[in-house]
PDB file of N, CA and C in Angstrom:
ATOM      1  N   MET A   1      33.830 121.060  33.193  1.00  0.00           N
ATOM      2  CA  MET A   1      35.264 120.806  32.484  1.00  0.00           C
ATOM      3  C   MET A   1      35.001 119.159  31.830  1.00  0.00           C
ATOM      4  N   GLU A   2      35.407 119.683  30.704  1.00  0.00           N
ATOM      5  CA  GLU A   2      35.527 118.694  29.487  1.00  0.00           C
ATOM      6  C   GLU A   2      36.596 118.156  29.323  1.00  0.00           C
ATOM      7  N   ASP A   3      35.852 116.407  28.738  1.00  0.00           N
ATOM      8  CA  ASP A   3      36.757 115.826  29.264  1.00  0.00           C
ATOM      9  C   ASP A   3      37.888 114.871  28.673  1.00  0.00           C
ATOM     10  N   GLU A   4      39.235 114.889  28.543  1.00  0.00           N
ATOM     11  CA  GLU A   4      40.691 114.630  28.106  1.00  0.00           C
ATOM     12  C   GLU A   4      40.031 113.935  26.931  1.00  0.00           C
ATOM     13  N   ILE A   5      41.096 114.583  26.218  1.00  0.00           N
ATOM     14  CA  ILE A   5      41.117 113.777  24.433  1.00  0.00           C
ATOM     15  C   ILE A   5      42.132 112.966  24.056  1.00  0.00           C
ATOM     16  N   LYS A   6      41.886 111.364  23.411  1.00  0.00           N
ATOM     17  CA  LYS A   6      43.234 110.685  23.789  1.00  0.00           C
ATOM     18  C   LYS A   6      43.149 109.945  22.550  1.00  0.00           C
ATOM     19  N   GLN A   7      44.661 109.293  22.436  1.00  0.00           N
ATOM     20  CA  GLN A   7      44.210 107.918  21.508  1.00  0.00           C
ATOM     21  C   GLN A   7      44.870 106.766  21.983  1.00  0.00           C
ATOM     22  N   ALA A   8      44.857 105.624  21.596  1.00  0.00           N
ATOM     23  CA  ALA A   8      45.371 104.262  22.246  1.00  0.00           C
ATOM     24  C   ALA A   8      45.588 103.612  20.875  1.00  0.00           C
ATOM     25  N   ILE A   9      46.893 103.008  20.871  1.00  0.00           N
ATOM     26  CA  ILE A   9      47.686 102.463  19.963  1.00  0.00           C
ATOM     27  C   ILE A   9      47.569 101.113  20.584  1.00  0.00           C
ATOM     28  N   ILE A  10      46.812 100.176  19.865  1.00  0.00           N
ATOM     29  CA  ILE A  10      47.010  98.411  20.711  1.00  0.00           C
ATOM     30  C   ILE A  10      47.797  97.110  19.558  1.00  0.00           C
ATOM     31  N   ILE A  11      48.726  96.787  20.006  1.00  0.00           N
ATOM     32  CA  ILE A  11      49.767  95.824  19.748  1.00  0.00           C
ATOM     33  C   ILE A  11      49.574  94.254  19.798  1.00  0.00           C
ATOM     34  N   ARG A  12      49.951  93.615  19.103  1.00  0.00           N
ATOM     35  CA  ARG A  12      49.711  92.757  19.185  1.00  0.00           C
ATOM     36  C   ARG A  12      51.406  92.071  19.719  1.00  0.00           C
ATOM     37  N   SER A  13      51.317  91.650  21.623  1.00  0.00           N
ATOM     38  CA  SER A  13      52.754  90.440  21.471  1.00  0.00           C
ATOM     39  C   SER A  13      53.319  89.923  20.776  1.00  0.00           C
ATOM     40  N   ASP A  14      52.415  89.278  20.366  1.00  0.00           N
ATOM     41  CA  ASP A  14      52.836  87.455  20.239  1.00  0.00           C
ATOM     42  C   ASP A  14      53.216  87.333  18.257  1.00  0.00           C
ATOM     43  N   LEU A  15      53.106  88.795  17.355  1.00  0.00           N
ATOM     44  CA  LEU A  15      53.987  87.895  16.263  1.00  0.00           C
ATOM     45  C   LEU A  15      55.458  88.521  16.560  1.00  0.00           C
ATOM     46  N   GLU A  16      55.711  88.996  17.123  1.00  0.00           N
ATOM     47  CA  GLU A  16      57.588  89.229  17.667  1.00  0.00           C
ATOM     48  C   GLU A  16      57.861  90.096  16.746  1.00  0.00           C
ATOM     49  N   MET A  17      57.384  91.434  16.445  1.00  0.00           N
ATOM     50  CA  MET A  17      57.206  92.204  15.191  1.00  0.00           C
ATOM     51  C   MET A  17      58.819  92.757  15.526  1.00  0.00           C
ATOM     52  N   SER A  18      59.687  93.422  15.303  1.00  0.00           N
ATOM     53  CA  SER A  18      61.347  93.505  15.632  1.00  0.00           C
ATOM     54  C   SER A  18      60.751  95.143  15.808  1.00  0.00           C
ATOM     55  N   ARG A  19      61.354  96.122  16.788  1.00  0.00           N
ATOM     56  CA  ARG A  19      60.531  97.196  17.376  1.00  0.00           C
ATOM     57  C   ARG A  19      60.360  98.641  16.156  1.00  0.00           C
ATOM     58  N   GLY A  20      61.292  97.883  14.437  1.00  0.00           N
ATOM     59  CA  GLY A  20      60.711  98.982  13.775  1.00  0.00           C
ATOM     60  C   GLY A  20      59.505  98.824  13.283  1.00  0.00           C
ATOM     61  N   LYS A  21      58.932  97.985  13.106  1.00  0.00           N
ATOM     62  CA  LYS A  21      57.980  96.603  12.646  1.00  0.00           C
ATOM     63  C   LYS A  21      56.849  97.747  12.888  1.00  0.00           C
ATOM     64  N   ILE A  22      57.173  97.281  14.824  1.00  0.00           N
ATOM     65  CA  ILE A  22      56.114  97.363  15.363  1.00  0.00           C
ATOM     66  C   ILE A  22      55.874  99.611  15.492  1.00  0.00           C
ATOM     67  N   ALA A  23      57.059  99.681  15.219  1.00  0.00           N
ATOM     68  CA  ALA A  23      56.573 101.923  14.971  1.00  0.00           C
ATOM     69  C   ALA A  23      55.555 101.521  14.256  1.00  0.00           C
ATOM     70  N   ALA A  24      55.516 101.075  12.962  1.00  0.00           N
ATOM     71  CA  ALA A  24      55.420 101.209  11.499  1.00  0.00           C
ATOM     72  C   ALA A  24      53.862 100.769  11.703  1.00  0.00           C
ATOM     73  N   GLN A  25      53.588  99.861  12.207  1.00  0.00           N
ATOM     74  CA  GLN A  25      52.055  99.122  12.576  1.00  0.00           C
ATOM     75  C   GLN A  25      51.197 100.216  13.937  1.00  0.00           C
ATOM     76  N   ALA A  26      52.355 100.912  14.742  1.00  0.00           N
ATOM     77  CA  ALA A  26      51.629 102.217  15.612  1.00  0.00           C
ATOM     78  C   ALA A  26      51.425 102.954  14.826  1.00  0.00           C
ATOM     79  N   ALA A  27      52.539 103.727  13.871  1.00  0.00           N
ATOM     80  CA  ALA A  27      51.990 104.765  12.964  1.00  0.00           C
ATOM     81  C   ALA A  27      50.494 104.917  12.040  1.00  0.00           C
ATOM     82  N   HIS A  28      50.815 103.409  11.255  1.00  0.00           N
ATOM     83  CA  HIS A  28      49.533 103.085  10.746  1.00  0.00           C
ATOM     84  C   HIS A  28      48.824 103.379  11.614  1.00  0.00           C
ATOM     85  N   ALA A  29      48.134 102.874  12.536  1.00  0.00           N
ATOM     86  CA  ALA A  29      46.772 102.844  13.700  1.00  0.00           C
ATOM     87  C   ALA A  29      46.247 103.718  13.831  1.00  0.00           C
ATOM     88  N   SER A  30      47.567 104.715  13.992  1.00  0.00           N
ATOM     89  CA  SER A  30      47.396 106.166  14.492  1.00  0.00           C
ATOM     90  C   SER A  30      47.274 106.986  13.654  1.00  0.00           C
ATOM     91  N   LEU A  31      47.567 107.046  11.882  1.00  0.00           N
ATOM     92  CA  LEU A  31      47.196 107.684  11.360  1.00  0.00           C
ATOM     93  C   LEU A  31      45.697 107.062  10.835  1.00  0.00           C
ATOM     94  N   MET A  32      44.908 106.087  10.903  1.00  0.00           N
ATOM     95  CA  MET A  32      43.551 105.350  10.685  1.00  0.00           C
ATOM     96  C   MET A  32      42.971 106.144  11.445  1.00  0.00           C
ATOM     97  N   SER A  33      43.443 105.568  12.748  1.00  0.00           N
ATOM     98  CA  SER A  33      42.008 106.256  13.283  1.00  0.00           C
ATOM     99  C   SER A  33      42.333 106.937  13.145  1.00  0.00           C
ATOM    100  N   TYR A  34      42.414 108.401  13.704  1.00  0.00           N
ATOM    101  CA  TYR A  34      42.594 109.926  13.476  1.00  0.00           C
ATOM    102  C   TYR A  34      41.234 110.442  12.282  1.00  0.00           C
ATOM    103  N   PHE A  35      41.887 109.731  11.587  1.00  0.00           N
ATOM    104  CA  PHE A  35      41.514 109.682   9.908  1.00  0.00           C
ATOM    105  C   PHE A  35      39.706 109.650  10.479  1.00  0.00           C
ATOM    106  N   GLU A  36      39.503 108.314  11.059  1.00  0.00           N
ATOM    107  CA  GLU A  36      38.148 107.809  11.537  1.00  0.00           C
ATOM    108  C   GLU A  36      37.846 109.563  12.361  1.00  0.00           C
ATOM    109  N   ALA A  37      38.011 110.020  13.166  1.00  0.00           N
ATOM    110  CA  ALA A  37      37.870 110.544  14.313  1.00  0.00           C
ATOM    111  C   ALA A  37      38.020 111.639  13.849  1.00  0.00           C
ATOM    112  N   GLU A  38      38.235 112.482  12.785  1.00  0.00           N
ATOM    113  CA  GLU A  38      37.896 113.957  11.825  1.00  0.00           C
ATOM    114  C   GLU A  38      36.995 113.832  11.340  1.00  0.00           C
ATOM    115  N   ARG A  39      36.529 112.285  10.395  1.00  0.00           N
ATOM    116  CA  ARG A  39      35.785 112.022  10.388  1.00  0.00           C
ATOM    117  C   ARG A  39      34.074 112.730  10.633  1.00  0.00           C
ATOM    118  N   LEU A  40      34.243 111.645  11.480  1.00  0.00           N
ATOM    119  CA  LEU A  40      33.547 110.996  13.026  1.00  0.00           C
ATOM    120  C   LEU A  40      33.205 112.520  13.684  1.00  0.00           C
ATOM    121  N   ASP A  41      34.107 113.552  14.357  1.00  0.00           N
ATOM    122  CA  ASP A  41      34.060 114.676  15.023  1.00  0.00           C
ATOM    123  C   ASP A  41      35.315 115.575  14.180  1.00  0.00           C
ATOM    124  N   PRO A  42      35.325 116.392  13.837  1.00  0.00           N
ATOM    125  CA  PRO A  42      36.755 117.400  13.041  1.00  0.00           C
ATOM    126  C   PRO A  42      36.394 117.832  14.328  1.00  0.00           C
ATOM    127  N   LYS A  43      35.690 118.868  15.443  1.00  0.00           N
ATOM    128  CA  LYS A  43      36.589 119.576  16.388  1.00  0.00           C
ATOM    129  C   LYS A  43      36.627 118.586  17.589  1.00  0.00           C
ATOM    130  N   LYS A  44      36.621 117.558  17.600  1.00  0.00           N
ATOM    131  CA  LYS A  44      37.250 116.682  18.242  1.00  0.00           C
ATOM    132  C   LYS A  44      38.738 115.973  18.118  1.00  0.00           C
ATOM    133  N   ALA A  45      38.698 116.450  16.944  1.00  0.00           N
ATOM    134  CA  ALA A  45      40.456 115.517  15.637  1.00  0.00           C
ATOM    135  C   ALA A  45      41.322 116.871  16.252  1.00  0.00           C
ATOM    136  N   LYS A  46      40.704 117.693  15.998  1.00  0.00           N
ATOM    137  CA  LYS A  46      40.970 119.035  16.135  1.00  0.00           C
ATOM    138  C   LYS A  46      41.077 119.301  17.530  1.00  0.00           C
ATOM    139  N   LEU A  47      40.713 119.218  18.453  1.00  0.00           N
ATOM    140  CA  LEU A  47      40.952 119.526  19.658  1.00  0.00           C
ATOM    141  C   LEU A  47      42.477 118.430  20.042  1.00  0.00           C
ATOM    142  N   TRP A  48      42.599 117.652  20.179  1.00  0.00           N
ATOM    143  CA  TRP A  48      43.505 116.256  20.251  1.00  0.00           C
ATOM    144  C   TRP A  48      44.595 117.252  19.676  1.00  0.00           C
ATOM    145  N   LEU A  49      44.379 117.360  18.346  1.00  0.00           N
ATOM    146  CA  LEU A  49      45.729 118.183  17.627  1.00  0.00           C
ATOM    147  C   LEU A  49      45.836 119.588  18.313  1.00  0.00           C
ATOM    148  N   ASP A  50      45.855 119.983  18.556  1.00  0.00           N
ATOM    149  CA  ASP A  50      45.558 121.623  19.276  1.00  0.00           C
ATOM    150  C   ASP A  50      46.206 121.527  21.287  1.00  0.00           C
ATOM    151  N   SER A  51      46.035 119.812  21.809  1.00  0.00           N
ATOM    152  CA  SER A  51      46.467 120.149  22.680  1.00  0.00           C
ATOM    153  C   SER A  51      47.385 118.981  23.260  1.00  0.00           C
ATOM    154  N   GLY A  52      47.910 118.465  21.688  1.00  0.00           N
ATOM    155  CA  GLY A  52      49.633 117.935  22.524  1.00  0.00           C
ATOM    156  C   GLY A  52      50.214 116.282  21.794  1.00  0.00           C
ATOM    157  N   GLU A  53      48.381 116.039  21.549  1.00  0.00           N
ATOM    158  CA  GLU A  53      47.799 114.530  20.509  1.00  0.00           C
ATOM    159  C   GLU A  53      48.639 113.167  21.674  1.00  0.00           C
ATOM    160  N   LYS A  54      47.708 114.099  22.815  1.00  0.00           N
ATOM    161  CA  LYS A  54      47.946 112.620  23.703  1.00  0.00           C
ATOM    162  C   LYS A  54      47.401 110.668  23.772  1.00  0.00           C
ATOM    163  N   LYS A  55      48.409 110.016  23.434  1.00  0.00           N
ATOM    164  CA  LYS A  55      48.043 108.816  23.186  1.00  0.00           C
ATOM    165  C   LYS A  55      49.239 107.928  24.513  1.00  0.00           C
ATOM    166  N   ILE A  56      48.834 106.732  24.173  1.00  0.00           N
ATOM    167  CA  ILE A  56      49.262 105.809  24.905  1.00  0.00           C
ATOM    168  C   ILE A  56      48.578 104.675  23.940  1.00  0.00           C
ATOM    169  N   VAL A  57      50.848 103.792  24.314  1.00  0.00           N
ATOM    170  CA  VAL A  57      50.542 102.871  23.531  1.00  0.00           C
ATOM    171  C   VAL A  57      50.597 101.501  24.411  1.00  0.00           C
ATOM    172  N   LEU A  58      49.370  99.911  24.156  1.00  0.00           N
ATOM    173  CA  LEU A  58      48.782  98.774  24.939  1.00  0.00           C
ATOM    174  C   LEU A  58      49.193  97.850  24.184  1.00  0.00           C
ATOM    175  N   LYS A  59      49.196  96.707  24.660  1.00  0.00           N
ATOM    176  CA  LYS A  59      49.757  95.738  23.925  1.00  0.00           C
ATOM    177  C   LYS A  59      48.137  94.617  24.620  1.00  0.00           C
ATOM    178  N   VAL A  60      48.430  93.705  23.376  1.00  0.00           N
ATOM    179  CA  VAL A  60      47.729  92.249  23.160  1.00  0.00           C
ATOM    180  C   VAL A  60      48.177  91.213  22.568  1.00  0.00           C
ATOM    181  N   SER A  61      48.186  90.143  23.424  1.00  0.00           N
ATOM    182  CA  SER A  61      48.960  88.346  23.966  1.00  0.00           C
ATOM    183  C   SER A  61      47.756  87.898  21.779  1.00  0.00           C
ATOM    184  N   ASP A  62      47.172  88.706  21.819  1.00  0.00           N
ATOM    185  CA  ASP A  62      46.603  87.330  20.692  1.00  0.00           C
ATOM    186  C   ASP A  62      45.659  88.364  19.817  1.00  0.00           C
ATOM    187  N   GLU A  63      45.125  87.565  17.900  1.00  0.00           N
ATOM    188  CA  GLU A  63      44.753  88.222  17.416  1.00  0.00           C
ATOM    189  C   GLU A  63      42.806  88.773  17.537  1.00  0.00           C
ATOM    190  N   GLN A  64      42.446  87.164  18.095  1.00  0.00           N
ATOM    191  CA  GLN A  64      41.550  87.418  18.487  1.00  0.00           C
ATOM    192  C   GLN A  64      40.479  88.737  20.091  1.00  0.00           C
ATOM    193  N   SER A  65      41.774  88.494  20.510  1.00  0.00           N
ATOM    194  CA  SER A  65      41.326  90.225  20.738  1.00  0.00           C
ATOM    195  C   SER A  65      41.873  91.440  21.135  1.00  0.00           C
ATOM    196  N   LEU A  66      42.319  91.467  19.837  1.00  0.00           N
ATOM    197  CA  LEU A  66      42.587  92.640  18.898  1.00  0.00           C
ATOM    198  C   LEU A  66      41.563  92.865  18.134  1.00  0.00           C
ATOM    199  N   ILE A  67      40.871  91.471  18.157  1.00  0.00           N
ATOM    200  CA  ILE A  67      39.563  92.009  16.792  1.00  0.00           C
ATOM    201  C   ILE A  67      37.908  92.107  17.476  1.00  0.00           C
ATOM    202  N   LYS A  68      38.399  91.979  18.826  1.00  0.00           N
ATOM    203  CA  LYS A  68      37.835  91.632  20.858  1.00  0.00           C
ATOM    204  C   LYS A  68      37.344  93.259  20.502  1.00  0.00           C
ATOM    205  N   LEU A  69      38.554  93.775  21.030  1.00  0.00           N
ATOM    206  CA  LEU A  69      38.294  94.992  21.066  1.00  0.00           C
ATOM    207  C   LEU A  69      37.411  96.323  19.602  1.00  0.00           C
ATOM    208  N   TYR A  70      38.313  95.338  18.813  1.00  0.00           N
ATOM    209  CA  TYR A  70      37.620  96.514  17.936  1.00  0.00           C
ATOM    210  C   TYR A  70      36.503  96.022  17.880  1.00  0.00           C
ATOM    211  N   THR A  71      35.979  96.009  17.508  1.00  0.00           N
ATOM    212  CA  THR A  71      33.860  95.097  17.402  1.00  0.00           C
ATOM    213  C   THR A  71      33.731  96.245  19.021  1.00  0.00           C
ATOM    214  N   ALA A  72      34.134  95.918  19.825  1.00  0.00           N
ATOM    215  CA  ALA A  72      34.010  97.172  20.838  1.00  0.00           C
ATOM    216  C   ALA A  72      33.353  98.525  21.019  1.00  0.00           C
ATOM    217  N   PHE A  73      34.092  98.594  20.023  1.00  0.00           N
ATOM    218  CA  PHE A  73      35.673 100.147  20.401  1.00  0.00           C
ATOM    219  C   PHE A  73      33.676 100.677  18.892  1.00  0.00           C
ATOM    220  N   LYS A  74      33.380  99.890  17.998  1.00  0.00           N
ATOM    221  CA  LYS A  74      32.882 100.190  16.924  1.00  0.00           C
ATOM    222  C   LYS A  74      31.159  99.864  16.790  1.00  0.00           C
ATOM    223  N   PHE A  75      30.607  99.014  18.198  1.00  0.00           N
ATOM    224  CA  PHE A  75      29.641  98.768  18.941  1.00  0.00           C
ATOM    225  C   PHE A  75      29.065 100.209  19.400  1.00  0.00           C
ATOM    226  N   ARG A  76      30.434 100.963  19.929  1.00  0.00           N
ATOM    227  CA  ARG A  76      30.682 101.870  20.884  1.00  0.00           C
ATOM    228  C   ARG A  76      30.259 102.779  20.249  1.00  0.00           C
ATOM    229  N   GLN A  77      30.503 102.837  18.857  1.00  0.00           N
ATOM    230  CA  GLN A  77      30.956 103.861  18.138  1.00  0.00           C
ATOM    231  C   GLN A  77      31.802 104.759  18.125  1.00  0.00           C
ATOM    232  N   ILE A  78      32.712 104.501  18.789  1.00  0.00           N
ATOM    233  CA  ILE A  78      34.237 104.994  18.981  1.00  0.00           C
ATOM    234  C   ILE A  78      34.986 105.309  17.757  1.00  0.00           C
ATOM    235  N   PRO A  79      35.593 106.795  17.589  1.00  0.00           N
ATOM    236  CA  PRO A  79      36.289 105.651  16.021  1.00  0.00           C
ATOM    237  C   PRO A  79      37.526 105.179  16.363  1.00  0.00           C
ATOM    238  N   CYS A  80      38.043 103.895  15.383  1.00  0.00           N
ATOM    239  CA  CYS A  80      39.017 103.083  15.608  1.00  0.00           C
ATOM    240  C   CYS A  80      39.274 102.589  13.908  1.00  0.00           C
ATOM    241  N   ALA A  81      40.602 101.597  14.173  1.00  0.00           N
ATOM    242  CA  ALA A  81      40.875 101.701  13.084  1.00  0.00           C
ATOM    243  C   ALA A  81      41.804  99.992  13.520  1.00  0.00           C
ATOM    244  N   LEU A  82      41.594  98.764  12.565  1.00  0.00           N
ATOM    245  CA  LEU A  82      41.987  97.985  12.784  1.00  0.00           C
ATOM    246  C   LEU A  82      43.301  97.900  11.735  1.00  0.00           C
ATOM    247  N   VAL A  83      44.439  97.287  12.133  1.00  0.00           N
ATOM    248  CA  VAL A  83      45.535  97.214  10.723  1.00  0.00           C
ATOM    249  C   VAL A  83      45.885  96.398  10.424  1.00  0.00           C
ATOM    250  N   THR A  84      45.548  95.844   8.482  1.00  0.00           N
ATOM    251  CA  THR A  84      46.187  94.340   8.820  1.00  0.00           C
ATOM    252  C   THR A  84      47.219  94.497   8.135  1.00  0.00           C
ATOM    253  N   ASP A  85      48.047  93.949   8.162  1.00  0.00           N
ATOM    254  CA  ASP A  85      49.255  93.616   7.099  1.00  0.00           C
ATOM    255  C   ASP A  85      49.927  93.013   5.787  1.00  0.00           C
ATOM    256  N   ALA A  86      49.996  94.088   5.221  1.00  0.00           N
ATOM    257  CA  ALA A  86      50.484  92.880   3.481  1.00  0.00           C
ATOM    258  C   ALA A  86      51.216  91.877   4.132  1.00  0.00           C
ATOM    259  N   GLY A  87      51.101  91.508   4.217  1.00  0.00           N
ATOM    260  CA  GLY A  87      52.733  90.895   5.162  1.00  0.00           C
ATOM    261  C   GLY A  87      54.182  90.439   3.507  1.00  0.00           C
ATOM    262  N   LEU A  88      54.811  92.014   3.461  1.00  0.00           N
ATOM    263  CA  LEU A  88      55.915  92.098   2.539  1.00  0.00           C
ATOM    264  C   LEU A  88      57.066  91.836   3.425  1.00  0.00           C
ATOM    265  N   THR A  89      56.967  92.252   4.869  1.00  0.00           N
ATOM    266  CA  THR A  89      58.581  91.629   5.481  1.00  0.00           C
ATOM    267  C   THR A  89      58.392  90.803   6.691  1.00  0.00           C
ATOM    268  N   GLU A  90      58.313  91.101   7.487  1.00  0.00           N
ATOM    269  CA  GLU A  90      58.732  89.647   9.055  1.00  0.00           C
ATOM    270  C   GLU A  90      57.231  89.099   9.197  1.00  0.00           C
ATOM    271  N   ILE A  91      56.446  88.895   8.815  1.00  0.00           N
ATOM    272  CA  ILE A  91      54.771  88.419   9.423  1.00  0.00           C
ATOM    273  C   ILE A  91      53.591  88.085   7.813  1.00  0.00           C
ATOM    274  N   PRO A  92      53.229  87.517   7.772  1.00  0.00           N
ATOM    275  CA  PRO A  92      52.056  86.753   6.669  1.00  0.00           C
ATOM    276  C   PRO A  92      51.515  87.354   6.511  1.00  0.00           C
ATOM    277  N   PRO A  93      50.821  87.474   5.303  1.00  0.00           N
ATOM    278  CA  PRO A  93      49.651  88.297   4.904  1.00  0.00           C
ATOM    279  C   PRO A  93      48.307  88.804   5.914  1.00  0.00           C
ATOM    280  N   GLY A  94      47.952  89.783   5.577  1.00  0.00           N
ATOM    281  CA  GLY A  94      46.669  89.173   6.659  1.00  0.00           C
ATOM    282  C   GLY A  94      46.332  89.718   7.887  1.00  0.00           C
ATOM    283  N   SER A  95      47.616  89.590   8.541  1.00  0.00           N
ATOM    284  CA  SER A  95      47.489  89.495  10.164  1.00  0.00           C
ATOM    285  C   SER A  95      47.658  91.222  10.615  1.00  0.00           C
ATOM    286  N   LYS A  96      46.637  90.367  11.502  1.00  0.00           N
ATOM    287  CA  LYS A  96      45.871  91.826  11.891  1.00  0.00           C
ATOM    288  C   LYS A  96      46.641  91.997  13.124  1.00  0.00           C
ATOM    289  N   THR A  97      47.696  93.463  13.102  1.00  0.00           N
ATOM    290  CA  THR A  97      48.570  93.849  13.593  1.00  0.00           C
ATOM    291  C   THR A  97      48.195  94.991  15.236  1.00  0.00           C
ATOM    292  N   ALA A  98      47.373  95.980  14.556  1.00  0.00           N
ATOM    293  CA  ALA A  98      47.467  96.808  15.784  1.00  0.00           C
ATOM    294  C   ALA A  98      45.932  97.648  15.883  1.00  0.00           C
ATOM    295  N   LEU A  99      45.404  98.467  16.379  1.00  0.00           N
ATOM    296  CA  LEU A  99      44.926  99.079  16.443  1.00  0.00           C
ATOM    297  C   LEU A  99      44.662 100.409  16.903  1.00  0.00           C
ATOM    298  N   GLY A 100      44.602 101.833  16.265  1.00  0.00           N
ATOM    299  CA  GLY A 100      44.258 102.246  16.644  1.00  0.00           C
ATOM    300  C   GLY A 100      42.545 103.180  16.968  1.00  0.00           C
ATOM    301  N   VAL A 101      42.896 103.716  18.538  1.00  0.00           N
ATOM    302  CA  VAL A 101      41.163 103.986  19.030  1.00  0.00           C
ATOM    303  C   VAL A 101      41.756 106.006  19.408  1.00  0.00           C
ATOM    304  N   GLY A 102      40.989 106.191  19.073  1.00  0.00           N
ATOM    305  CA  GLY A 102      40.644 107.615  18.843  1.00  0.00           C
ATOM    306  C   GLY A 102      41.305 107.977  17.517  1.00  0.00           C
ATOM    307  N   PRO A 103      41.568 109.611  17.798  1.00  0.00           N
ATOM    308  CA  PRO A 103      41.944 110.605  19.454  1.00  0.00           C
ATOM    309  C   PRO A 103      39.801 111.027  19.449  1.00  0.00           C
ATOM    310  N   TRP A 104      39.030 110.459  21.003  1.00  0.00           N
ATOM    311  CA  TRP A 104      38.586 110.864  21.572  1.00  0.00           C
ATOM    312  C   TRP A 104      38.003 111.263  22.697  1.00  0.00           C
ATOM    313  N   ASP A 105      37.214 110.800  23.657  1.00  0.00           N
ATOM    314  CA  ASP A 105      37.032 111.698  24.943  1.00  0.00           C
ATOM    315  C   ASP A 105      37.402 109.914  25.261  1.00  0.00           C
ATOM    316  N   SER A 106      38.727 110.667  26.562  1.00  0.00           N
ATOM    317  CA  SER A 106      39.264 109.619  27.417  1.00  0.00           C
ATOM    318  C   SER A 106      38.241 108.047  28.089  1.00  0.00           C
ATOM    319  N   LYS A 107      37.486 109.341  28.856  1.00  0.00           N
ATOM    320  CA  LYS A 107      36.354 108.066  29.881  1.00  0.00           C
ATOM    321  C   LYS A 107      36.009 107.312  28.755  1.00  0.00           C
ATOM    322  N   GLY A 108      35.256 107.784  26.749  1.00  0.00           N
ATOM    323  CA  GLY A 108      35.874 105.630  26.038  1.00  0.00           C
ATOM    324  C   GLY A 108      36.725 105.190  25.605  1.00  0.00           C
ATOM    325  N   VAL A 109      37.302 105.973  25.637  1.00  0.00           N
ATOM    326  CA  VAL A 109      38.648 105.213  25.394  1.00  0.00           C
ATOM    327  C   VAL A 109      39.426 104.165  26.788  1.00  0.00           C
ATOM    328  N   ASN A 110      39.530 104.533  27.714  1.00  0.00           N
ATOM    329  CA  ASN A 110      39.255 103.606  28.415  1.00  0.00           C
ATOM    330  C   ASN A 110      38.326 102.635  28.919  1.00  0.00           C
ATOM    331  N   GLU A 111      36.803 102.913  28.758  1.00  0.00           N
ATOM    332  CA  GLU A 111      35.872 102.187  28.592  1.00  0.00           C
ATOM    333  C   GLU A 111      36.649 100.607  28.669  1.00  0.00           C
ATOM    334  N   PHE A 112      37.286 100.145  27.728  1.00  0.00           N
ATOM    335  CA  PHE A 112      38.032  98.950  27.323  1.00  0.00           C
ATOM    336  C   PHE A 112      39.761  97.791  27.574  1.00  0.00           C
ATOM    337  N   THR A 113      40.704  99.491  28.474  1.00  0.00           N
ATOM    338  CA  THR A 113      41.566  99.302  27.538  1.00  0.00           C
ATOM    339  C   THR A 113      42.462  99.302  28.582  1.00  0.00           C
ATOM    340  N   LEU A 114      41.573 100.072  29.859  1.00  0.00           N
ATOM    341  CA  LEU A 114      41.904  99.843  31.497  1.00  0.00           C
ATOM    342  C   LEU A 114      43.356  98.974  31.809  1.00  0.00           C
ATOM    343  N   GLY A 115      42.457  97.172  31.792  1.00  0.00           N
ATOM    344  CA  GLY A 115      42.756  96.391  32.068  1.00  0.00           C
ATOM    345  C   GLY A 115      43.908  96.274  31.501  1.00  0.00           C
ATOM    346  N   LEU A 116      44.545  96.881  30.157  1.00  0.00           N
ATOM    347  CA  LEU A 116      44.698  96.512  29.686  1.00  0.00           C
ATOM    348  C   LEU A 116      46.414  97.170  29.693  1.00  0.00           C
ATOM    349  N   LYS A 117      47.728  96.429  29.382  1.00  0.00           N
ATOM    350  CA  LYS A 117      49.058  96.395  30.066  1.00  0.00           C
ATOM    351  C   LYS A 117      49.889  97.301  28.551  1.00  0.00           C
ATOM    352  N   LEU A 118      50.779  98.139  29.240  1.00  0.00           N
ATOM    353  CA  LEU A 118      52.114  99.207  28.380  1.00  0.00           C
ATOM    354  C   LEU A 118      52.466  98.081  27.754  1.00  0.00           C
ATOM    355  N   LEU A 119      52.681  99.077  26.024  1.00  0.00           N
ATOM    356  CA  LEU A 119      53.527  97.892  25.607  1.00  0.00           C
ATOM    357  C   LEU A 119      55.397  97.684  25.768  1.00  0.00           C
TER     358      LEU A 119
END
């Protein structure tokens, strides 16, 4: 049986973004990460699309934690994308706001996210 495919969206909770800003950052992370997954494994990306686009939204408490996760996923060659805000609305330019991981095998996504709390 093939492993389930899912995507994780990880948001920084320390930035005190509005709900709308969080939604926008999550959307950026999801799309950017999807395109990276599609580039690395088009069949897996299509399987995710065809199977309901399972995703989970989690949180970290600071930028350092977000960057550490990004580095770990990159090292494992799991598709991911780090969102850097332009600073046009609520937060300073250059702030790392979100991380998209996958879609990829749940086992790979879970490797570094199991200890994170839901947003």
